[in-house]
Amino acid sequence: MDINEMADKVMGILRKLEEDTKAAAKEGAQLPPEQPKEPEKQTDV
């Protein structure tokens, strides 16, 4: 396998990751934003 084939393979993987990320971001945009949970306060008596 020569360097150009390797580069093409890597670029293909990166492109797929980018598409998956965009798709996930699109799906995430439709969900209501999560409310940040406040850490439960420990009270020492």
C-alpha atoms as a PDB file:
ATOM      1  CA  MET A   1       0.000   0.000   0.000  1.00  0.00           C
ATOM      2  CA  ASP A   2       1.573   3.304  -0.993  1.00  0.00           C
ATOM      3  CA  ILE A   3       1.368   6.617   0.857  1.00  0.00           C
ATOM      4  CA  ASN A   4      -1.356   8.002  -1.423  1.00  0.00           C
ATOM      5  CA  GLU A   5      -3.623   5.029  -0.783  1.00  0.00           C
ATOM      6  CA  MET A   6      -3.074   5.401   2.944  1.00  0.00           C
ATOM      7  CA  ALA A   7      -3.863   9.114   2.763  1.00  0.00           C
ATOM      8  CA  ASP A   8      -7.056   8.416   0.808  1.00  0.00           C
ATOM      9  CA  LYS A   9      -8.103   5.831   3.391  1.00  0.00           C
ATOM     10  CA  VAL A  10      -7.472   8.208   6.288  1.00  0.00           C
ATOM     11  CA  MET A  11      -9.319  11.050   4.553  1.00  0.00           C
ATOM     12  CA  GLY A  12     -12.263   8.739   3.928  1.00  0.00           C
ATOM     13  CA  ILE A  13     -12.406   7.800   7.610  1.00  0.00           C
ATOM     14  CA  LEU A  14     -12.195  11.454   8.659  1.00  0.00           C
ATOM     15  CA  ARG A  15     -14.969  12.408   6.229  1.00  0.00           C
ATOM     16  CA  LYS A  16     -17.220   9.675   7.578  1.00  0.00           C
ATOM     17  CA  LEU A  17     -16.532  10.797  11.146  1.00  0.00           C
ATOM     18  CA  GLU A  18     -17.346  14.370  10.180  1.00  0.00           C
ATOM     19  CA  GLU A  19     -20.637  13.300   8.576  1.00  0.00           C
ATOM     20  CA  ASP A  20     -21.543  11.218  11.631  1.00  0.00           C
ATOM     21  CA  THR A  21     -20.755  14.188  13.869  1.00  0.00           C
ATOM     22  CA  LYS A  22     -22.907  16.539  11.783  1.00  0.00           C
ATOM     23  CA  ALA A  23     -25.778  14.053  11.796  1.00  0.00           C
ATOM     24  CA  ALA A  24     -25.502  13.669  15.569  1.00  0.00           C
ATOM     25  CA  ALA A  25     -25.400  17.443  16.011  1.00  0.00           C
ATOM     26  CA  LYS A  26     -28.518  17.776  13.856  1.00  0.00           C
ATOM     27  CA  GLU A  27     -30.346  15.187  15.953  1.00  0.00           C
ATOM     28  CA  GLY A  28     -29.086  16.796  19.154  1.00  0.00           C
ATOM     29  CA  ALA A  29     -30.395  20.196  18.038  1.00  0.00           C
ATOM     30  CA  GLN A  30     -33.929  18.798  18.059  1.00  0.00           C
ATOM     31  CA  LEU A  31     -33.691  17.672  21.674  1.00  0.00           C
ATOM     32  CA  PRO A  32     -34.406  20.126  24.478  1.00  0.00           C
ATOM     33  CA  PRO A  33     -31.168  21.338  26.088  1.00  0.00           C
ATOM     34  CA  GLU A  34     -30.339  19.403  29.229  1.00  0.00           C
ATOM     35  CA  GLN A  35     -30.667  21.294  32.442  1.00  0.00           C
ATOM     36  CA  PRO A  36     -27.338  21.265  34.284  1.00  0.00           C
ATOM     37  CA  LYS A  37     -27.800  19.328  37.486  1.00  0.00           C
ATOM     38  CA  GLU A  38     -26.624  21.063  40.605  1.00  0.00           C
ATOM     39  CA  PRO A  39     -24.377  18.861  42.696  1.00  0.00           C
ATOM     40  CA  GLU A  40     -26.180  17.618  45.773  1.00  0.00           C
ATOM     41  CA  LYS A  41     -24.893  19.451  48.810  1.00  0.00           C
ATOM     42  CA  GLN A  42     -23.666  17.259  51.624  1.00  0.00           C
ATOM     43  CA  THR A  43     -24.614  18.729  54.978  1.00  0.00           C
ATOM     44  CA  ASP A  44     -22.526  17.654  57.941  1.00  0.00           C
ATOM     45  CA  VAL A  45     -24.468  17.713  61.171  1.00  0.00           C
END
